[in-house]
Amino acid sequence: MKVTYICDCCGVTIDNLEDPRLNEEKLGINTLTPEEREDIIKYDDNNGLIIYSLCDQCGEEMGFDDSRLEYIKPPELH
């Protein structure tokens, strides 16, 4: 599965992942409500996922503290 994380605020690409072991559960998106899914997740032309989140800089500028942010972070694959 190919996944691209994009900042919903500034539009910068946060990360790109491509790993056949990835699935919705490993990404943590299986727990989203239908409304959250519609707002956060889009599909690209190659059936990859585009997940809108916040980059660190925009999160800091908005006054968010990492310990309180409730957004989807790229999964740890290592």
PDB file of N, CA and C in Angstrom:
ATOM      1  N   MET A   1       0.850  -1.172   0.000  1.00  0.00           N
ATOM      2  CA  MET A   1       0.000   0.000   0.000  1.00  0.00           C
ATOM      3  C   MET A   1       0.898   1.238   0.000  1.00  0.00           C
ATOM      4  N   LYS A   2       0.512   2.217  -0.768  1.00  0.00           N
ATOM      5  CA  LYS A   2       1.231   3.489  -0.813  1.00  0.00           C
ATOM      6  C   LYS A   2       0.418   4.525  -0.044  1.00  0.00           C
ATOM      7  N   VAL A   3       1.099   5.260   0.843  1.00  0.00           N
ATOM      8  CA  VAL A   3       0.443   6.263   1.664  1.00  0.00           C
ATOM      9  C   VAL A   3       1.260   7.552   1.611  1.00  0.00           C
ATOM     10  N   THR A   4       0.567   8.655   1.387  1.00  0.00           N
ATOM     11  CA  THR A   4       1.207   9.966   1.405  1.00  0.00           C
ATOM     12  C   THR A   4       0.528  10.790   2.494  1.00  0.00           C
ATOM     13  N   TYR A   5       1.340  11.334   3.395  1.00  0.00           N
ATOM     14  CA  TYR A   5       0.842  12.228   4.444  1.00  0.00           C
ATOM     15  C   TYR A   5       1.093  13.656   3.990  1.00  0.00           C
ATOM     16  N   ILE A   6       0.039  14.471   3.991  1.00  0.00           N
ATOM     17  CA  ILE A   6       0.130  15.864   3.565  1.00  0.00           C
ATOM     18  C   ILE A   6      -0.426  16.750   4.678  1.00  0.00           C
ATOM     19  N   CYS A   7       0.246  17.880   4.914  1.00  0.00           N
ATOM     20  CA  CYS A   7      -0.232  18.817   5.923  1.00  0.00           C
ATOM     21  C   CYS A   7      -1.505  19.487   5.417  1.00  0.00           C
ATOM     22  N   ASP A   8      -2.537  19.412   6.214  1.00  0.00           N
ATOM     23  CA  ASP A   8      -3.831  19.991   5.859  1.00  0.00           C
ATOM     24  C   ASP A   8      -3.800  21.513   5.901  1.00  0.00           C
ATOM     25  N   CYS A   9      -2.816  22.069   6.569  1.00  0.00           N
ATOM     26  CA  CYS A   9      -2.723  23.518   6.719  1.00  0.00           C
ATOM     27  C   CYS A   9      -1.872  24.156   5.617  1.00  0.00           C
ATOM     28  N   CYS A  10      -0.623  23.695   5.449  1.00  0.00           N
ATOM     29  CA  CYS A  10       0.287  24.335   4.497  1.00  0.00           C
ATOM     30  C   CYS A  10       0.477  23.546   3.201  1.00  0.00           C
ATOM     31  N   GLY A  11       0.021  22.306   3.151  1.00  0.00           N
ATOM     32  CA  GLY A  11       0.090  21.509   1.938  1.00  0.00           C
ATOM     33  C   GLY A  11       1.404  20.798   1.685  1.00  0.00           C
ATOM     34  N   VAL A  12       2.363  20.915   2.596  1.00  0.00           N
ATOM     35  CA  VAL A  12       3.651  20.253   2.420  1.00  0.00           C
ATOM     36  C   VAL A  12       3.485  18.735   2.588  1.00  0.00           C
ATOM     37  N   THR A  13       4.261  17.974   1.810  1.00  0.00           N
ATOM     38  CA  THR A  13       4.261  16.521   1.981  1.00  0.00           C
ATOM     39  C   THR A  13       5.063  16.194   3.235  1.00  0.00           C
ATOM     40  N   ILE A  14       4.432  15.540   4.188  1.00  0.00           N
ATOM     41  CA  ILE A  14       5.074  15.184   5.445  1.00  0.00           C
ATOM     42  C   ILE A  14       5.891  13.912   5.284  1.00  0.00           C
ATOM     43  N   ASP A  15       5.330  12.930   4.593  1.00  0.00           N
ATOM     44  CA  ASP A  15       6.016  11.651   4.414  1.00  0.00           C
ATOM     45  C   ASP A  15       5.319  10.843   3.328  1.00  0.00           C
ATOM     46  N   ASN A  16       6.078   9.943   2.724  1.00  0.00           N
ATOM     47  CA  ASN A  16       5.560   8.973   1.762  1.00  0.00           C
ATOM     48  C   ASN A  16       5.971   7.595   2.239  1.00  0.00           C
ATOM     49  N   LEU A  17       5.043   6.687   2.263  1.00  0.00           N
ATOM     50  CA  LEU A  17       5.332   5.311   2.655  1.00  0.00           C
ATOM     51  C   LEU A  17       4.821   4.379   1.569  1.00  0.00           C
ATOM     52  N   GLU A  18       5.559   3.332   1.325  1.00  0.00           N
ATOM     53  CA  GLU A  18       5.074   2.301   0.417  1.00  0.00           C
ATOM     54  C   GLU A  18       5.575   0.976   0.945  1.00  0.00           C
ATOM     55  N   ASP A  19       4.638   0.174   1.412  1.00  0.00           N
ATOM     56  CA  ASP A  19       4.979  -1.116   2.004  1.00  0.00           C
ATOM     57  C   ASP A  19       3.760  -2.031   1.858  1.00  0.00           C
ATOM     58  N   PRO A  20       3.939  -3.206   1.291  1.00  0.00           N
ATOM     59  CA  PRO A  20       2.797  -4.112   1.118  1.00  0.00           C
ATOM     60  C   PRO A  20       2.207  -4.601   2.443  1.00  0.00           C
ATOM     61  N   ARG A  21       2.956  -4.443   3.539  1.00  0.00           N
ATOM     62  CA  ARG A  21       2.447  -4.882   4.856  1.00  0.00           C
ATOM     63  C   ARG A  21       1.491  -3.871   5.476  1.00  0.00           C
ATOM     64  N   LEU A  22       1.428  -2.660   4.927  1.00  0.00           N
ATOM     65  CA  LEU A  22       0.552  -1.640   5.495  1.00  0.00           C
ATOM     66  C   LEU A  22      -0.911  -1.970   5.229  1.00  0.00           C
ATOM     67  N   ASN A  23      -1.731  -1.705   6.223  1.00  0.00           N
ATOM     68  CA  ASN A  23      -3.176  -1.824   6.076  1.00  0.00           C
ATOM     69  C   ASN A  23      -3.823  -0.780   6.979  1.00  0.00           C
ATOM     70  N   GLU A  24      -5.118  -0.675   6.928  1.00  0.00           N
ATOM     71  CA  GLU A  24      -5.810   0.359   7.691  1.00  0.00           C
ATOM     72  C   GLU A  24      -5.590   0.215   9.193  1.00  0.00           C
ATOM     73  N   GLU A  25      -5.521  -1.004   9.672  1.00  0.00           N
ATOM     74  CA  GLU A  25      -5.302  -1.215  11.103  1.00  0.00           C
ATOM     75  C   GLU A  25      -3.917  -0.733  11.524  1.00  0.00           C
ATOM     76  N   LYS A  26      -2.895  -1.067  10.756  1.00  0.00           N
ATOM     77  CA  LYS A  26      -1.537  -0.631  11.093  1.00  0.00           C
ATOM     78  C   LYS A  26      -1.397   0.884  11.000  1.00  0.00           C
ATOM     79  N   LEU A  27      -2.160   1.499  10.115  1.00  0.00           N
ATOM     80  CA  LEU A  27      -2.132   2.950   9.989  1.00  0.00           C
ATOM     81  C   LEU A  27      -2.965   3.630  11.073  1.00  0.00           C
ATOM     82  N   GLY A  28      -3.835   2.878  11.718  1.00  0.00           N
ATOM     83  CA  GLY A  28      -4.686   3.425  12.765  1.00  0.00           C
ATOM     84  C   GLY A  28      -5.928   4.124  12.254  1.00  0.00           C
ATOM     85  N   ILE A  29      -6.199   3.989  10.959  1.00  0.00           N
ATOM     86  CA  ILE A  29      -7.359   4.698  10.406  1.00  0.00           C
ATOM     87  C   ILE A  29      -8.640   3.874  10.483  1.00  0.00           C
ATOM     88  N   ASN A  30      -8.535   2.649  10.918  1.00  0.00           N
ATOM     89  CA  ASN A  30      -9.717   1.798  11.040  1.00  0.00           C
ATOM     90  C   ASN A  30     -10.641   2.255  12.166  1.00  0.00           C
ATOM     91  N   THR A  31     -10.144   3.112  13.056  1.00  0.00           N
ATOM     92  CA  THR A  31     -10.954   3.570  14.189  1.00  0.00           C
ATOM     93  C   THR A  31     -11.651   4.901  13.921  1.00  0.00           C
ATOM     94  N   LEU A  32     -11.420   5.478  12.749  1.00  0.00           N
ATOM     95  CA  LEU A  32     -12.046   6.762  12.420  1.00  0.00           C
ATOM     96  C   LEU A  32     -13.531   6.592  12.117  1.00  0.00           C
ATOM     97  N   THR A  33     -14.285   7.613  12.434  1.00  0.00           N
ATOM     98  CA  THR A  33     -15.705   7.615  12.077  1.00  0.00           C
ATOM     99  C   THR A  33     -15.818   7.875  10.572  1.00  0.00           C
ATOM    100  N   PRO A  34     -16.966   7.592   9.974  1.00  0.00           N
ATOM    101  CA  PRO A  34     -17.127   7.890   8.548  1.00  0.00           C
ATOM    102  C   PRO A  34     -16.886   9.362   8.220  1.00  0.00           C
ATOM    103  N   GLU A  35     -17.298  10.264   9.108  1.00  0.00           N
ATOM    104  CA  GLU A  35     -17.087  11.693   8.883  1.00  0.00           C
ATOM    105  C   GLU A  35     -15.603  12.043   8.932  1.00  0.00           C
ATOM    106  N   GLU A  36     -14.871  11.460   9.893  1.00  0.00           N
ATOM    107  CA  GLU A  36     -13.431  11.706   9.996  1.00  0.00           C
ATOM    108  C   GLU A  36     -12.712  11.159   8.768  1.00  0.00           C
ATOM    109  N   ARG A  37     -13.101   9.964   8.338  1.00  0.00           N
ATOM    110  CA  ARG A  37     -12.486   9.365   7.150  1.00  0.00           C
ATOM    111  C   ARG A  37     -12.676  10.265   5.935  1.00  0.00           C
ATOM    112  N   GLU A  38     -13.889  10.779   5.762  1.00  0.00           N
ATOM    113  CA  GLU A  38     -14.180  11.635   4.614  1.00  0.00           C
ATOM    114  C   GLU A  38     -13.339  12.910   4.653  1.00  0.00           C
ATOM    115  N   ASP A  39     -13.112  13.435   5.851  1.00  0.00           N
ATOM    116  CA  ASP A  39     -12.359  14.671   6.020  1.00  0.00           C
ATOM    117  C   ASP A  39     -10.847  14.469   5.886  1.00  0.00           C
ATOM    118  N   ILE A  40     -10.335  13.343   6.338  1.00  0.00           N
ATOM    119  CA  ILE A  40      -8.893  13.121   6.453  1.00  0.00           C
ATOM    120  C   ILE A  40      -8.296  12.308   5.312  1.00  0.00           C
ATOM    121  N   ILE A  41      -9.045  11.360   4.761  1.00  0.00           N
ATOM    122  CA  ILE A  41      -8.481  10.405   3.812  1.00  0.00           C
ATOM    123  C   ILE A  41      -9.035  10.615   2.408  1.00  0.00           C
ATOM    124  N   LYS A  42      -8.135  10.627   1.451  1.00  0.00           N
ATOM    125  CA  LYS A  42      -8.507  10.675   0.038  1.00  0.00           C
ATOM    126  C   LYS A  42      -7.730   9.565  -0.668  1.00  0.00           C
ATOM    127  N   TYR A  43      -8.158   9.219  -1.851  1.00  0.00           N
ATOM    128  CA  TYR A  43      -7.470   8.195  -2.645  1.00  0.00           C
ATOM    129  C   TYR A  43      -6.857   8.859  -3.861  1.00  0.00           C
ATOM    130  N   ASP A  44      -5.610   8.469  -4.189  1.00  0.00           N
ATOM    131  CA  ASP A  44      -4.982   9.024  -5.384  1.00  0.00           C
ATOM    132  C   ASP A  44      -5.346   8.177  -6.595  1.00  0.00           C
ATOM    133  N   ASP A  45      -4.839   8.549  -7.749  1.00  0.00           N
ATOM    134  CA  ASP A  45      -5.180   7.871  -9.002  1.00  0.00           C
ATOM    135  C   ASP A  45      -4.702   6.419  -9.059  1.00  0.00           C
ATOM    136  N   ASN A  46      -3.737   6.060  -8.236  1.00  0.00           N
ATOM    137  CA  ASN A  46      -3.190   4.700  -8.233  1.00  0.00           C
ATOM    138  C   ASN A  46      -3.684   3.880  -7.046  1.00  0.00           C
ATOM    139  N   ASN A  47      -4.835   4.237  -6.487  1.00  0.00           N
ATOM    140  CA  ASN A  47      -5.433   3.558  -5.340  1.00  0.00           C
ATOM    141  C   ASN A  47      -4.587   3.641  -4.084  1.00  0.00           C
ATOM    142  N   GLY A  48      -3.691   4.611  -4.025  1.00  0.00           N
ATOM    143  CA  GLY A  48      -2.940   4.873  -2.803  1.00  0.00           C
ATOM    144  C   GLY A  48      -3.749   5.806  -1.921  1.00  0.00           C
ATOM    145  N   LEU A  49      -3.365   5.903  -0.677  1.00  0.00           N
ATOM    146  CA  LEU A  49      -4.056   6.777   0.254  1.00  0.00           C
ATOM    147  C   LEU A  49      -3.315   8.097   0.396  1.00  0.00           C
ATOM    148  N   ILE A  50      -4.073   9.161   0.530  1.00  0.00           N
ATOM    149  CA  ILE A  50      -3.540  10.458   0.911  1.00  0.00           C
ATOM    150  C   ILE A  50      -4.195  10.779   2.249  1.00  0.00           C
ATOM    151  N   ILE A  51      -3.366  10.958   3.266  1.00  0.00           N
ATOM    152  CA  ILE A  51      -3.876  11.230   4.608  1.00  0.00           C
ATOM    153  C   ILE A  51      -3.479  12.648   4.986  1.00  0.00           C
ATOM    154  N   TYR A  52      -4.477  13.456   5.299  1.00  0.00           N
ATOM    155  CA  TYR A  52      -4.234  14.837   5.687  1.00  0.00           C
ATOM    156  C   TYR A  52      -4.075  14.916   7.194  1.00  0.00           C
ATOM    157  N   SER A  53      -2.980  15.534   7.606  1.00  0.00           N
ATOM    158  CA  SER A  53      -2.618  15.656   9.002  1.00  0.00           C
ATOM    159  C   SER A  53      -2.060  17.056   9.207  1.00  0.00           C
ATOM    160  N   LEU A  54      -1.272  17.269  10.242  1.00  0.00           N
ATOM    161  CA  LEU A  54      -0.574  18.528  10.454  1.00  0.00           C
ATOM    162  C   LEU A  54       0.912  18.262  10.531  1.00  0.00           C
ATOM    163  N   CYS A  55       1.700  19.100   9.848  1.00  0.00           N
ATOM    164  CA  CYS A  55       3.148  18.975   9.990  1.00  0.00           C
ATOM    165  C   CYS A  55       3.533  19.569  11.352  1.00  0.00           C
ATOM    166  N   ASP A  56       4.725  19.265  11.800  1.00  0.00           N
ATOM    167  CA  ASP A  56       5.183  19.748  13.104  1.00  0.00           C
ATOM    168  C   ASP A  56       5.145  21.272  13.187  1.00  0.00           C
ATOM    169  N   GLN A  57       5.602  21.942  12.121  1.00  0.00           N
ATOM    170  CA  GLN A  57       5.661  23.401  12.146  1.00  0.00           C
ATOM    171  C   GLN A  57       4.267  24.012  12.287  1.00  0.00           C
ATOM    172  N   CYS A  58       3.301  23.540  11.510  1.00  0.00           N
ATOM    173  CA  CYS A  58       1.939  24.088  11.609  1.00  0.00           C
ATOM    174  C   CYS A  58       1.326  23.763  12.964  1.00  0.00           C
ATOM    175  N   GLY A  59       1.584  22.579  13.467  1.00  0.00           N
ATOM    176  CA  GLY A  59       1.083  22.217  14.790  1.00  0.00           C
ATOM    177  C   GLY A  59       1.615  23.149  15.863  1.00  0.00           C
ATOM    178  N   GLU A  60       2.915  23.468  15.779  1.00  0.00           N
ATOM    179  CA  GLU A  60       3.518  24.388  16.749  1.00  0.00           C
ATOM    180  C   GLU A  60       2.944  25.793  16.594  1.00  0.00           C
ATOM    181  N   GLU A  61       2.796  26.246  15.333  1.00  0.00           N
ATOM    182  CA  GLU A  61       2.257  27.581  15.097  1.00  0.00           C
ATOM    183  C   GLU A  61       0.824  27.717  15.592  1.00  0.00           C
ATOM    184  N   MET A  62       0.086  26.617  15.586  1.00  0.00           N
ATOM    185  CA  MET A  62      -1.295  26.633  16.070  1.00  0.00           C
ATOM    186  C   MET A  62      -1.361  26.467  17.586  1.00  0.00           C
ATOM    187  N   GLY A  63      -0.184  26.274  18.209  1.00  0.00           N
ATOM    188  CA  GLY A  63      -0.136  26.162  19.661  1.00  0.00           C
ATOM    189  C   GLY A  63      -0.405  24.773  20.185  1.00  0.00           C
ATOM    190  N   PHE A  64      -0.326  23.758  19.299  1.00  0.00           N
ATOM    191  CA  PHE A  64      -0.540  22.391  19.749  1.00  0.00           C
ATOM    192  C   PHE A  64       0.743  21.837  20.345  1.00  0.00           C
ATOM    193  N   ASP A  65       0.587  21.005  21.303  1.00  0.00           N
ATOM    194  CA  ASP A  65       1.688  20.302  21.954  1.00  0.00           C
ATOM    195  C   ASP A  65       1.573  18.858  21.483  1.00  0.00           C
ATOM    196  N   ASP A  66       2.681  18.247  21.038  1.00  0.00           N
ATOM    197  CA  ASP A  66       2.658  16.875  20.495  1.00  0.00           C
ATOM    198  C   ASP A  66       1.929  15.885  21.392  1.00  0.00           C
ATOM    199  N   SER A  67       2.000  16.071  22.675  1.00  0.00           N
ATOM    200  CA  SER A  67       1.368  15.116  23.579  1.00  0.00           C
ATOM    201  C   SER A  67      -0.157  15.233  23.536  1.00  0.00           C
ATOM    202  N   ARG A  68      -0.670  16.348  23.008  1.00  0.00           N
ATOM    203  CA  ARG A  68      -2.121  16.537  22.949  1.00  0.00           C
ATOM    204  C   ARG A  68      -2.684  16.390  21.553  1.00  0.00           C
ATOM    205  N   LEU A  69      -1.823  16.319  20.541  1.00  0.00           N
ATOM    206  CA  LEU A  69      -2.318  16.222  19.168  1.00  0.00           C
ATOM    207  C   LEU A  69      -3.010  14.899  18.921  1.00  0.00           C
ATOM    208  N   GLU A  70      -4.153  14.959  18.318  1.00  0.00           N
ATOM    209  CA  GLU A  70      -4.883  13.755  17.962  1.00  0.00           C
ATOM    210  C   GLU A  70      -4.958  13.690  16.449  1.00  0.00           C
ATOM    211  N   TYR A  71      -3.862  13.326  15.827  1.00  0.00           N
ATOM    212  CA  TYR A  71      -3.821  13.172  14.389  1.00  0.00           C
ATOM    213  C   TYR A  71      -3.078  11.894  14.063  1.00  0.00           C
ATOM    214  N   ILE A  72      -3.212  11.482  12.858  1.00  0.00           N
ATOM    215  CA  ILE A  72      -2.601  10.230  12.442  1.00  0.00           C
ATOM    216  C   ILE A  72      -1.136  10.467  12.123  1.00  0.00           C
ATOM    217  N   LYS A  73      -0.279   9.770  12.832  1.00  0.00           N
ATOM    218  CA  LYS A  73       1.150   9.856  12.570  1.00  0.00           C
ATOM    219  C   LYS A  73       1.553   8.670  11.709  1.00  0.00           C
ATOM    220  N   PRO A  74       2.561   8.838  10.879  1.00  0.00           N
ATOM    221  CA  PRO A  74       3.029   7.681  10.093  1.00  0.00           C
ATOM    222  C   PRO A  74       3.419   6.534  11.035  1.00  0.00           C
ATOM    223  N   PRO A  75       3.093   5.318  10.675  1.00  0.00           N
ATOM    224  CA  PRO A  75       3.410   4.190  11.552  1.00  0.00           C
ATOM    225  C   PRO A  75       4.906   3.934  11.613  1.00  0.00           C
ATOM    226  N   GLU A  76       5.341   3.387  12.725  1.00  0.00           N
ATOM    227  CA  GLU A  76       6.729   2.978  12.871  1.00  0.00           C
ATOM    228  C   GLU A  76       6.899   1.634  12.192  1.00  0.00           C
ATOM    229  N   LEU A  77       7.755   1.575  11.210  1.00  0.00           N
ATOM    230  CA  LEU A  77       7.933   0.327  10.468  1.00  0.00           C
ATOM    231  C   LEU A  77       9.222  -0.399  10.845  1.00  0.00           C
ATOM    232  N   HIS A  78      10.026   0.216  11.698  1.00  0.00           N
ATOM    233  CA  HIS A  78      11.308  -0.382  12.045  1.00  0.00           C
ATOM    234  C   HIS A  78      11.263  -1.037  13.401  1.00  0.00           C
TER     235      HIS A  78
END
